[in-house]
Structure formats: C-alpha cells, structure tokens
Amino acid sequence: MKLYGLKNCDTCRKALKLLPSAELIDVRAQGVPLVTMQAASTKFGPALVNRRSTTWRGLSEEERARPALELLAQHPALMKRPLIEANGTLYLGWTQEVQTALDV
C-alpha cells in the first residue's frame, strides 16, 4: 500500500498511524508517478486539486486555469491528501468512507 502525501501533513500522519503497512511517499520530495497521477485524475477529476490550500490561494487566475496535471506537477502540495493506492485501487482523502473501504 502506498500513501502519497506530505510528511508534515496532519491528515497523512493520521492515515499512516492507522495504516502501519503503508509506505509514505512524500509528493514534494519524490513526486507521484505519471501513470498514478493520470489514473487519479481520471477517477477523481477536479477533486484531486485542493482548492482550499494556501498554495491554491497564492496562484494567479492564469495559473489556476491550467490543467490539473500540469498544476500538480509544478505544485505537488496542491494535491488533496492523502492519495492512497491499495491493491490497484485509488482512494482520495481520509474520510470515513475511505477508512471503511480500507477496513480501518
């Protein structure tokens, strides 16, 4: 199981605590494989971009209009976290629904 997020993100830390077998992949340091990002973009669409983040608020209107994959490649912290890859399935966020699906 892979958990894509930030090592300093409280939500990612909560998820890691309950998913001890998960490997944290820091999106700032290591990035997310293009294939995984494309699959996540297809599955989650615009929800993949965290529009409530300070990084988002700091972007110009021109930058915000760019395609999500381009934005996330340049600003990995814009990704809603965590993005969890488990048994070939992708999950986004750390909602009760995700926790139930992962049997936590």
Protein backbone atom coordinates (compact mmCIF):
# COMPACT_ATOMS: atom_id res chain seq x y z
CA MET A 1 0.00 0.00 0.00
CA LYS A 2 1.31 3.43 -0.95
CA LEU A 3 0.24 6.68 0.62
CA TYR A 4 1.08 9.78 -1.40
CA GLY A 5 1.14 12.90 0.73
CA LEU A 6 3.36 15.18 2.77
CA LYS A 7 5.32 14.06 5.80
CA ASN A 8 4.21 17.18 7.70
CA CYS A 9 0.52 16.85 6.81
CA ASP A 10 -1.64 16.06 9.87
CA THR A 11 -4.16 14.11 7.81
CA CYS A 12 -1.42 12.00 6.23
CA ARG A 13 0.04 11.28 9.67
CA LYS A 14 -3.37 10.17 10.96
CA ALA A 15 -3.74 7.84 7.98
CA LEU A 16 -0.23 6.40 8.45
CA LYS A 17 -0.90 5.75 12.11
CA LEU A 18 -3.89 3.57 11.22
CA LEU A 19 -2.21 2.04 8.16
CA PRO A 20 1.13 0.81 9.55
CA SER A 21 1.89 -1.23 6.43
CA ALA A 22 1.54 1.82 4.16
CA GLU A 23 4.63 3.40 2.63
CA LEU A 24 4.60 7.21 2.74
CA ILE A 25 5.74 8.79 -0.49
CA ASP A 26 6.36 12.50 0.03
CA VAL A 27 5.00 14.22 -3.06
CA ARG A 28 7.36 17.17 -2.68
CA ALA A 29 10.49 15.05 -2.41
CA GLN A 30 9.65 12.04 -4.56
CA GLY A 31 6.63 13.06 -6.64
CA VAL A 32 3.86 10.80 -7.87
CA PRO A 33 4.41 8.53 -10.89
CA LEU A 34 2.76 9.95 -14.00
CA VAL A 35 0.69 6.78 -14.52
CA THR A 36 -0.70 7.08 -10.98
CA MET A 37 -1.46 10.79 -11.43
CA GLN A 38 -3.25 10.14 -14.71
CA ALA A 39 -5.34 7.38 -13.13
CA ALA A 40 -6.15 9.61 -10.14
CA SER A 41 -7.08 12.48 -12.45
CA THR A 42 -9.39 10.20 -14.43
CA LYS A 43 -11.03 8.80 -11.28
CA PHE A 44 -11.30 11.95 -9.14
CA GLY A 45 -11.28 14.75 -11.72
CA PRO A 46 -11.22 18.26 -10.24
CA ALA A 47 -11.43 16.88 -6.68
CA LEU A 48 -7.75 15.94 -6.97
CA VAL A 49 -6.78 19.61 -6.59
CA ASN A 50 -7.16 21.06 -3.10
CA ARG A 51 -8.75 24.43 -3.79
CA ARG A 52 -8.75 25.37 -0.10
CA SER A 53 -4.97 25.23 0.31
CA THR A 54 -2.71 28.21 0.85
CA THR A 55 -0.81 27.20 -2.28
CA TRP A 56 -4.04 27.50 -4.33
CA ARG A 57 -4.83 30.90 -2.85
CA GLY A 58 -1.38 32.09 -3.85
CA LEU A 59 -1.86 31.21 -7.53
CA SER A 60 -2.87 33.74 -10.15
CA GLU A 61 -6.10 33.26 -12.11
CA GLU A 62 -3.96 32.34 -15.12
CA GLU A 63 -2.20 29.58 -13.17
CA ARG A 64 -5.48 28.28 -11.74
CA ALA A 65 -6.83 27.85 -15.28
CA ARG A 66 -4.06 25.39 -16.21
CA PRO A 67 -4.88 21.66 -16.48
CA ALA A 68 -4.83 19.86 -13.12
CA LEU A 69 -1.97 17.50 -14.03
CA GLU A 70 0.25 20.43 -15.05
CA LEU A 71 -0.56 22.29 -11.84
CA LEU A 72 0.14 19.25 -9.68
CA ALA A 73 3.43 18.57 -11.47
CA GLN A 74 4.59 22.09 -10.67
CA HIS A 75 2.95 22.41 -7.24
CA PRO A 76 2.69 18.92 -5.67
CA ALA A 77 1.34 20.34 -2.40
CA LEU A 78 -1.85 21.28 -4.30
CA MET A 79 -2.91 17.64 -4.38
CA LYS A 80 -5.69 16.72 -1.99
CA ARG A 81 -4.15 14.38 0.54
CA PRO A 82 -3.65 11.59 1.07
CA LEU A 83 -3.86 9.73 -2.22
CA ILE A 84 -3.80 6.06 -1.28
CA GLU A 85 -3.03 3.23 -3.66
CA ALA A 86 -4.11 -0.14 -2.27
CA ASN A 87 -4.48 -3.37 -4.27
CA GLY A 88 -4.79 -1.49 -7.55
CA THR A 89 -7.49 0.88 -6.25
CA LEU A 90 -7.04 4.60 -5.59
CA TYR A 91 -8.60 6.45 -2.65
CA LEU A 92 -8.53 10.20 -2.09
CA GLY A 93 -8.66 11.88 1.29
CA TRP A 94 -9.09 10.39 4.73
CA THR A 95 -12.86 10.34 5.06
CA GLN A 96 -14.91 7.81 6.96
CA GLU A 97 -15.83 6.29 3.60
CA VAL A 98 -12.15 5.73 2.71
CA GLN A 99 -11.40 4.32 6.15
CA THR A 100 -14.30 1.87 5.84
CA ALA A 101 -13.16 0.80 2.37
CA LEU A 102 -9.67 0.12 3.75
CA ASP A 103 -11.05 -1.75 6.81
CA VAL A 104 -9.56 0.67 9.33
